[in-house]
Each structure stands twice: as structure tokens, then as C-alpha cells.
Amino acid sequence: MTTKQINAANDKHPIQVVARRTGLTADVIRVWERRYSVVNPERTNNSRRLYSDEDVEKLSLLRRATSAGRRIGDVSTLSVQELRKLVDTDESAAARIPVAKIEQRPSTGSVMEYFDECLDAIQRLDGQDIYRSLSKASKSLGIIFLLEDLLRPLVSHIQDECRRGALRDTHYAVAIYSIRGFLSSLVMSEPFVGSEYKLICASPAGQVSDIAALRLAAASKSNGWQAIFLGMYGSVDEIIYAQRKSNAKLIAIGITRPADDPLLPNQLRRLRNQLDNSIEIAVTGSGAAAYFDVLQEIQANFIQTISELYLLLDRVKQNIRLTQQPIQ
């Protein structure tokens, strides 16, 4: 074999090597190739895929783009040069915001079993089985571990797999509908909370999901708070009306997608300006970190874990009790 032939052979890589170099699984590479035609590898006589160095670079760039929140369907047709520019822009922007908690697949105990049960039901588009698995997990794990160790990474995993193209929008719709129904049942289940401690839970106008706000409502109920849940009807005017009508002392905002809404920063500023200074604002969700600068500006509480939420709820409770004490 000549030197030129040897170099040509070395420039072609089997899928296992490509998976290791790009950080993608072989299954995701095949899905991207079949569904989105992101690369067109050569085939050997026995139909094994062989990828070029440019294929490897494009797949690596696509992984970085989807990890930054881009949907594979939106970036699959971009050239390598266009992807380089997009990835550089996304990663430069990400460097200016705090690193949010990285959600990982559970790897221990019964949490992992419930996680895998839910994923299996999602693959089968069986919403009732998703609900049943979450109900079992609620009884076994308790509310904090359910919300923090199972549901949070589960929703994050579903979103990541949809961005990568390993799951379809149909899987996402079935999963989120079932999870939303389960969380709603937690908020509305007995015992009903008729508490003097009230908060408004809402997703800002323009968000495509209210899961983060609903998760806050469920967690707050377990801490003895009465959650007034507005869901995606959370325009500034409606949040202000609900706060004044209920005399709630805390506004909890859930932000998931989109994470680049140009209107949201001014919505948050307007909300802060129209609230009394004594009313706290808490913001959480997978998209919240993208708005960190404006959260600092309006002095909102950036909540990443249930434990952080509970600390805030306890602090607000203490402030309420202090204001209710009679003047000596």
C-alpha cells in the first residue's frame, strides 16, 4: 500500500471512534444521519460506516450547539464554518453567566429504577405508565427526593434528548403532559393548605412550559405554603393582580424555554417596579441562568435546588411573623 493510500485509510473512522471523539453515542450519530442527513459517511463492502475528519468536526460542533440549547433540527443544515461561528457565539455568551447545576442521570438506588421506568414509558408513549411510576416514586422517595433527584434530571434528560434528536417532539409532549398532570395532583391533593403563607407561582408570558413553576408550587405546599398557581397565564398584570388580591409575600417564577426571549428582561423589571419592596421574587428553571444579569438587577433570588427554595421560604415566613408582632 502506498503512503497516499495509507493516509486515505487513516482519514476514515468507524463509528465507535467517532463516538469517542465527539462525545456522542453511536445511536445518536445514526439518528442524526438518518433523520437530519447531517453527514453522509462512506460505506465499506460489508456496509460499515466510515467517517471523514470533516464529518467528525461537524458532529462535534453539532454536539456543542445542542449542548448550548440549540435544537438539532434548527442547526443540522449549517455548514462547518457556520457551526464554528454559532458555537463560538453561544459559548462566549455562556461564559458570562453562572454555571447552573448540571443534571445527570441518576446512578444509584431506587431513583435510577424509577428514572428508567419513566424513560421506558416515554419511549412507548404510555402516559399512564409515566404517571404510575411517578406515583410509586412519590410514596417511596418522599417529596424532596422526588422533585430534586428524579423529576428534575428526568425533565432535563428529555429536553436534551429532544435537542439531540434521539427523542421526538411526540415523546416530549406525552412526557410533559403526564409529568404536568402528576405535579398538579400533588398541588391539589389533600390535605389542602389554607395557610397565611401564600405565594404566586407562574411562568412569564412567552414561555412554552410551566413545569418549573408547577414544581415550585408542589415543593412550596410541602413546606406549608399555599401556592396560587397561574401557570402560563403569568403576565405581569395578572401576577400583580393575584399578589394584591391574595396578599402573597413571594412571587415564584419558572423559566425554561425559550432562554433567549428578548422581551422577558423588561417583563421582569416591570414586575419588580410594580411590586412593593417587601415582596420577594424567586426565579428557577433550566433557562433562568440565561437571565442572570437582570435577576441581579432586580434583586431576585436565583433558586437552583429545593433546599435553596426552603431556605427562602423559611426566611420569608420569619419576616411575616416579625411584621405581625404587636408593637410593645
Protein backbone atom coordinates (compact mmCIF):
# COMPACT_ATOMS: atom_id res chain seq x y z
CA MET A 1 0.00 0.00 0.00
CA THR A 2 1.39 3.41 -0.91
CA THR A 3 1.82 6.30 1.55
CA LYS A 4 -1.08 8.12 -0.07
CA GLN A 5 -3.34 5.06 0.33
CA ILE A 6 -2.32 4.67 3.98
CA ASN A 7 -3.15 8.33 4.71
CA ALA A 8 -6.51 8.00 2.96
CA ALA A 9 -7.35 4.97 5.11
CA ASN A 10 -6.32 6.80 8.27
CA ASP A 11 -8.60 9.70 7.36
CA LYS A 12 -11.67 7.44 7.62
CA HIS A 13 -13.02 6.45 11.02
CA PRO A 14 -15.50 3.79 12.19
CA ILE A 15 -18.50 4.91 14.24
CA GLN A 16 -17.00 3.74 17.56
CA VAL A 17 -14.01 6.04 17.08
CA VAL A 18 -16.27 8.90 16.03
CA ALA A 19 -18.45 8.41 19.11
CA ARG A 20 -15.40 8.61 21.37
CA ARG A 21 -14.01 11.71 19.63
CA THR A 22 -17.29 13.63 19.52
CA GLY A 23 -18.86 12.67 22.85
CA LEU A 24 -21.99 11.44 21.08
CA THR A 25 -23.38 7.93 21.34
CA ALA A 26 -23.38 5.76 18.25
CA ASP A 27 -27.19 5.68 18.42
CA VAL A 28 -27.43 9.49 18.32
CA ILE A 29 -24.99 9.65 15.38
CA ARG A 30 -27.13 7.16 13.45
CA VAL A 31 -30.34 9.07 14.26
CA TRP A 32 -28.82 12.38 13.16
CA GLU A 33 -27.57 10.79 9.96
CA ARG A 34 -30.89 9.08 9.16
CA ARG A 35 -33.30 11.80 10.22
CA TYR A 36 -31.37 15.01 9.52
CA SER A 37 -28.66 13.96 6.99
CA VAL A 38 -26.02 15.84 8.98
CA VAL A 39 -23.23 13.71 7.48
CA ASN A 40 -23.01 11.21 4.63
CA PRO A 41 -20.35 8.61 5.56
CA GLU A 42 -18.84 6.22 3.12
CA ARG A 43 -19.63 2.51 3.39
CA THR A 44 -17.31 -0.49 3.27
CA ASN A 45 -18.13 -3.64 1.35
CA ASN A 46 -19.83 -5.03 4.46
CA SER A 47 -21.82 -1.76 4.97
CA ARG A 48 -19.78 -0.42 7.90
CA ARG A 49 -19.85 3.38 8.13
CA LEU A 50 -16.59 5.29 7.65
CA TYR A 51 -16.50 8.97 8.61
CA SER A 52 -14.10 11.67 7.38
CA ASP A 53 -12.26 14.17 9.59
CA GLU A 54 -14.72 16.84 8.43
CA ASP A 55 -17.63 14.59 9.45
CA VAL A 56 -16.07 14.23 12.90
CA GLU A 57 -15.63 18.00 13.24
CA LYS A 58 -19.21 18.68 12.14
CA LEU A 59 -20.61 16.14 14.59
CA SER A 60 -18.51 17.64 17.40
CA LEU A 61 -19.78 21.13 16.58
CA LEU A 62 -23.37 19.89 16.46
CA ARG A 63 -22.94 18.31 19.90
CA ARG A 64 -21.66 21.62 21.28
CA ALA A 65 -24.52 23.52 19.61
CA THR A 66 -27.18 21.21 21.05
CA SER A 67 -25.49 21.29 24.46
CA ALA A 68 -25.89 25.08 24.36
CA GLY A 69 -29.64 24.65 23.88
CA ARG A 70 -29.98 24.60 20.09
CA ARG A 71 -32.37 22.06 18.58
CA ILE A 72 -30.73 19.66 16.16
CA GLY A 73 -33.42 20.32 13.56
CA ASP A 74 -32.53 24.02 13.59
CA VAL A 75 -28.76 23.58 13.08
CA SER A 76 -28.47 20.34 11.09
CA THR A 77 -28.21 22.09 7.70
CA LEU A 78 -25.48 24.56 8.73
CA SER A 79 -22.02 24.23 7.23
CA VAL A 80 -18.94 23.56 9.36
CA GLN A 81 -17.94 27.22 9.06
CA GLU A 82 -21.39 28.41 10.12
CA LEU A 83 -21.41 25.98 13.03
CA ARG A 84 -18.00 27.21 14.23
CA LYS A 85 -19.29 30.78 14.33
CA LEU A 86 -22.53 29.79 16.07
CA VAL A 87 -20.78 27.66 18.68
CA ASP A 88 -18.22 30.40 19.41
CA THR A 89 -21.05 32.89 19.94
CA ASP A 90 -23.03 30.54 22.20
CA GLU A 91 -20.07 29.51 24.31
CA SER A 92 -18.84 33.09 24.71
CA ALA A 93 -22.30 34.08 25.95
CA ALA A 94 -22.44 31.09 28.29
CA ALA A 95 -19.11 32.08 29.86
CA ARG A 96 -20.71 35.31 31.10
CA ILE A 97 -23.46 33.63 33.13
CA PRO A 98 -23.16 31.41 36.22
CA VAL A 99 -22.84 27.69 35.72
CA ALA A 100 -26.18 26.12 36.55
CA LYS A 101 -26.35 22.80 38.32
CA ILE A 102 -25.54 20.04 35.81
CA GLU A 103 -28.33 17.48 35.70
CA GLN A 104 -27.08 13.92 35.49
CA ARG A 105 -28.83 10.63 35.02
CA PRO A 106 -29.42 9.06 38.48
CA SER A 107 -26.98 6.22 39.08
CA THR A 108 -27.93 4.80 42.46
CA GLY A 109 -30.77 3.03 44.21
CA SER A 110 -34.47 3.20 43.53
CA VAL A 111 -34.22 6.66 41.96
CA MET A 112 -32.42 5.10 38.99
CA GLU A 113 -35.09 2.39 38.73
CA TYR A 114 -37.93 4.94 38.63
CA PHE A 115 -35.94 7.06 36.16
CA ASP A 116 -35.54 4.10 33.81
CA GLU A 117 -39.20 3.11 34.25
CA CYS A 118 -40.25 6.60 33.18
CA LEU A 119 -37.90 6.60 30.17
CA ASP A 120 -39.23 3.24 29.05
CA ALA A 121 -42.82 4.50 29.32
CA ILE A 122 -41.87 7.66 27.39
CA GLN A 123 -40.38 5.55 24.59
CA ARG A 124 -43.65 3.59 24.44
CA LEU A 125 -45.71 6.83 24.54
CA ASP A 126 -47.53 5.44 27.61
CA GLY A 127 -48.54 8.46 29.66
CA GLN A 128 -50.44 6.37 32.21
CA ASP A 129 -47.32 4.33 32.96
CA ILE A 130 -45.31 7.54 33.41
CA TYR A 131 -47.91 8.74 35.92
CA ARG A 132 -47.93 5.36 37.73
CA SER A 133 -44.14 5.34 38.03
CA LEU A 134 -44.12 8.87 39.45
CA SER A 135 -46.87 7.97 41.93
CA LYS A 136 -44.86 4.98 43.16
CA ALA A 137 -41.75 7.14 43.41
CA SER A 138 -43.63 9.76 45.44
CA LYS A 139 -44.62 7.19 48.06
CA SER A 140 -41.17 5.60 48.14
CA LEU A 141 -38.84 8.62 47.95
CA GLY A 142 -40.77 11.48 49.55
CA ILE A 143 -41.45 14.86 48.01
CA ILE A 144 -37.95 16.38 48.17
CA PHE A 145 -36.13 13.43 46.59
CA LEU A 146 -38.92 13.02 44.06
CA LEU A 147 -38.70 16.63 42.88
CA GLU A 148 -34.93 17.08 43.14
CA ASP A 149 -33.38 13.69 42.38
CA LEU A 150 -35.91 12.19 39.96
CA LEU A 151 -38.13 14.75 38.24
CA ARG A 152 -35.55 17.47 37.71
CA PRO A 153 -32.97 15.29 35.92
CA LEU A 154 -35.76 13.45 34.11
CA VAL A 155 -37.15 16.64 32.53
CA SER A 156 -33.62 17.83 31.72
CA HIS A 157 -32.79 14.48 30.11
CA ILE A 158 -35.96 14.55 27.98
CA GLN A 159 -35.13 18.08 26.79
CA ASP A 160 -31.54 17.10 25.95
CA GLU A 161 -32.62 14.01 24.03
CA CYS A 162 -35.14 16.05 22.05
CA ARG A 163 -32.46 18.61 21.17
CA ARG A 164 -30.19 15.80 20.04
CA GLY A 165 -32.98 14.22 18.02
CA ALA A 166 -32.88 10.92 19.95
CA LEU A 167 -36.45 11.65 21.12
CA ARG A 168 -39.14 13.25 19.02
CA ASP A 169 -41.48 16.12 19.89
CA THR A 170 -44.19 13.47 20.34
CA HIS A 171 -42.19 11.87 23.17
CA TYR A 172 -41.72 15.29 24.77
CA ALA A 173 -45.43 16.11 24.54
CA VAL A 174 -46.54 12.82 26.14
CA ALA A 175 -43.90 13.06 28.88
CA ILE A 176 -44.56 16.68 29.82
CA TYR A 177 -48.36 16.21 29.77
CA SER A 178 -48.02 13.26 32.19
CA ILE A 179 -45.49 14.99 34.45
CA ARG A 180 -47.60 18.14 34.50
CA GLY A 181 -50.68 16.14 35.46
CA PHE A 182 -48.79 14.40 38.25
CA LEU A 183 -47.40 17.65 39.69
CA SER A 184 -50.87 19.21 39.52
CA SER A 185 -52.22 16.31 41.56
CA LEU A 186 -49.57 16.95 44.22
CA VAL A 187 -50.56 20.62 44.46
CA MET A 188 -54.30 19.85 44.61
CA SER A 189 -54.19 16.70 46.76
CA GLU A 190 -55.35 16.61 50.36
CA PRO A 191 -54.59 17.84 52.91
CA PHE A 192 -55.44 21.21 51.42
CA VAL A 193 -53.30 24.04 52.71
CA GLY A 194 -55.20 27.07 53.98
CA SER A 195 -52.12 28.93 55.07
CA GLU A 196 -51.36 32.53 55.89
CA TYR A 197 -48.15 31.95 53.93
CA LYS A 198 -49.04 32.43 50.27
CA LEU A 199 -47.01 32.66 47.10
CA ILE A 200 -47.75 33.14 43.42
CA CYS A 201 -46.24 30.53 41.05
CA ALA A 202 -46.20 31.47 37.37
CA SER A 203 -44.37 31.21 34.07
CA PRO A 204 -43.82 34.51 32.23
CA ALA A 205 -45.72 35.23 29.05
CA GLY A 206 -43.86 33.70 26.11
CA GLN A 207 -42.66 30.57 27.90
CA VAL A 208 -43.60 27.23 26.34
CA SER A 209 -43.78 25.23 29.58
CA ASP A 210 -44.90 25.84 33.15
CA ILE A 211 -43.25 22.70 34.60
CA ALA A 212 -40.68 24.71 36.58
CA ALA A 213 -43.40 26.88 38.16
CA LEU A 214 -45.53 23.82 38.92
CA ARG A 215 -42.55 22.13 40.57
CA LEU A 216 -42.16 25.22 42.77
CA ALA A 217 -45.83 25.05 43.71
CA ALA A 218 -45.56 21.38 44.73
CA ALA A 219 -42.39 22.00 46.76
CA SER A 220 -43.91 25.04 48.49
CA LYS A 221 -47.01 23.12 49.51
CA SER A 222 -44.83 20.51 51.21
CA ASN A 223 -43.30 23.39 53.21
CA GLY A 224 -46.67 24.61 54.46
CA TRP A 225 -47.32 27.32 51.88
CA GLN A 226 -50.47 27.89 49.86
CA ALA A 227 -49.45 28.12 46.21
CA ILE A 228 -51.60 30.21 43.88
CA PHE A 229 -50.66 28.71 40.52
CA LEU A 230 -51.08 30.84 37.40
CA GLY A 231 -49.15 28.62 35.01
CA MET A 232 -48.54 30.24 31.65
CA TYR A 233 -51.09 32.96 32.35
CA GLY A 234 -48.30 34.76 34.18
CA SER A 235 -48.34 38.14 32.50
CA VAL A 236 -47.06 40.96 34.69
CA ASP A 237 -50.56 42.42 35.07
CA GLU A 238 -52.04 39.08 36.19
CA ILE A 239 -49.22 38.38 38.63
CA ILE A 240 -49.64 41.83 40.17
CA TYR A 241 -53.42 41.35 40.42
CA ALA A 242 -53.02 37.93 42.05
CA GLN A 243 -50.47 39.25 44.53
CA ARG A 244 -52.64 42.16 45.63
CA LYS A 245 -55.79 40.05 45.78
CA SER A 246 -54.16 37.33 47.90
CA ASN A 247 -51.59 39.43 49.78
CA ALA A 248 -48.94 36.88 48.79
CA LYS A 249 -45.46 37.69 50.07
CA LEU A 250 -43.48 35.80 47.43
CA ILE A 251 -43.57 35.61 43.63
CA ALA A 252 -42.01 32.44 42.22
CA ILE A 253 -41.19 32.47 38.51
CA GLY A 254 -40.31 29.38 36.44
CA ILE A 255 -38.24 29.89 33.27
CA THR A 256 -37.49 27.01 30.91
CA ARG A 257 -37.81 27.75 27.18
CA PRO A 258 -37.02 29.89 25.37
CA ALA A 259 -33.86 31.01 27.15
CA ASP A 260 -33.29 33.94 24.79
CA ASP A 261 -36.60 35.81 24.90
CA PRO A 262 -35.79 39.48 24.16
CA LEU A 263 -38.99 40.62 25.91
CA LEU A 264 -38.51 38.77 29.19
CA PRO A 265 -35.89 41.07 30.82
CA ASN A 266 -38.23 44.05 30.64
CA GLN A 267 -41.12 41.93 31.91
CA LEU A 268 -39.05 41.06 34.99
CA ARG A 269 -38.02 44.70 35.50
CA ARG A 270 -41.65 45.83 35.24
CA LEU A 271 -42.72 43.17 37.72
CA ARG A 272 -40.16 44.37 40.26
CA ASN A 273 -41.10 48.02 39.76
CA GLN A 274 -44.80 47.36 40.39
CA LEU A 275 -44.34 45.20 43.47
CA ASP A 276 -43.86 46.53 46.96
CA ASN A 277 -40.22 46.26 48.02
CA SER A 278 -41.20 43.83 50.78
CA ILE A 279 -42.35 41.23 48.22
CA GLU A 280 -39.63 38.71 47.35
CA ILE A 281 -39.11 37.34 43.83
CA ALA A 282 -37.70 33.84 43.28
CA VAL A 283 -36.70 32.57 39.82
CA THR A 284 -35.86 28.99 38.88
CA GLY A 285 -35.83 26.65 35.89
CA SER A 286 -33.41 25.38 33.27
CA GLY A 287 -33.50 28.70 31.38
CA ALA A 288 -33.18 31.02 34.38
CA ALA A 289 -29.38 31.32 34.34
CA ALA A 290 -29.53 32.94 30.89
CA TYR A 291 -31.16 35.99 32.53
CA PHE A 292 -28.75 36.18 35.47
CA ASP A 293 -27.77 39.81 34.85
CA VAL A 294 -31.36 41.05 35.04
CA LEU A 295 -32.05 38.81 38.06
CA GLN A 296 -29.21 40.55 39.88
CA GLU A 297 -30.51 43.93 38.74
CA ILE A 298 -33.99 43.34 40.22
CA GLN A 299 -32.54 41.59 43.30
CA ALA A 300 -34.37 38.34 42.60
CA ASN A 301 -33.46 35.08 44.34
CA PHE A 302 -31.88 32.67 41.84
CA ILE A 303 -33.09 29.24 43.04
CA GLN A 304 -31.35 26.10 41.79
CA THR A 305 -32.36 23.47 44.37
CA ILE A 306 -35.33 22.63 46.59
CA SER A 307 -33.10 23.22 49.62
CA GLU A 308 -32.43 26.80 48.46
CA LEU A 309 -36.18 27.29 47.98
CA TYR A 310 -36.91 26.02 51.50
CA LEU A 311 -34.34 28.41 52.98
CA LEU A 312 -36.02 31.31 51.18
CA LEU A 313 -39.50 30.20 52.28
CA ASP A 314 -38.34 29.99 55.90
CA ARG A 315 -36.78 33.46 55.70
CA VAL A 316 -39.95 34.97 54.27
CA LYS A 317 -42.01 33.19 56.96
CA GLN A 318 -39.81 34.74 59.61
CA ASN A 319 -40.26 38.21 58.10
CA ILE A 320 -44.04 37.73 58.04
CA ARG A 321 -44.06 36.73 61.72
CA LEU A 322 -41.92 39.75 62.65
CA THR A 323 -44.29 42.18 60.90
CA GLN A 324 -47.27 40.59 62.66
CA GLN A 325 -45.82 41.03 66.16
CA PRO A 326 -47.58 43.78 68.17
CA ILE A 327 -45.58 46.89 68.89
CA GLN A 328 -44.57 46.97 72.57
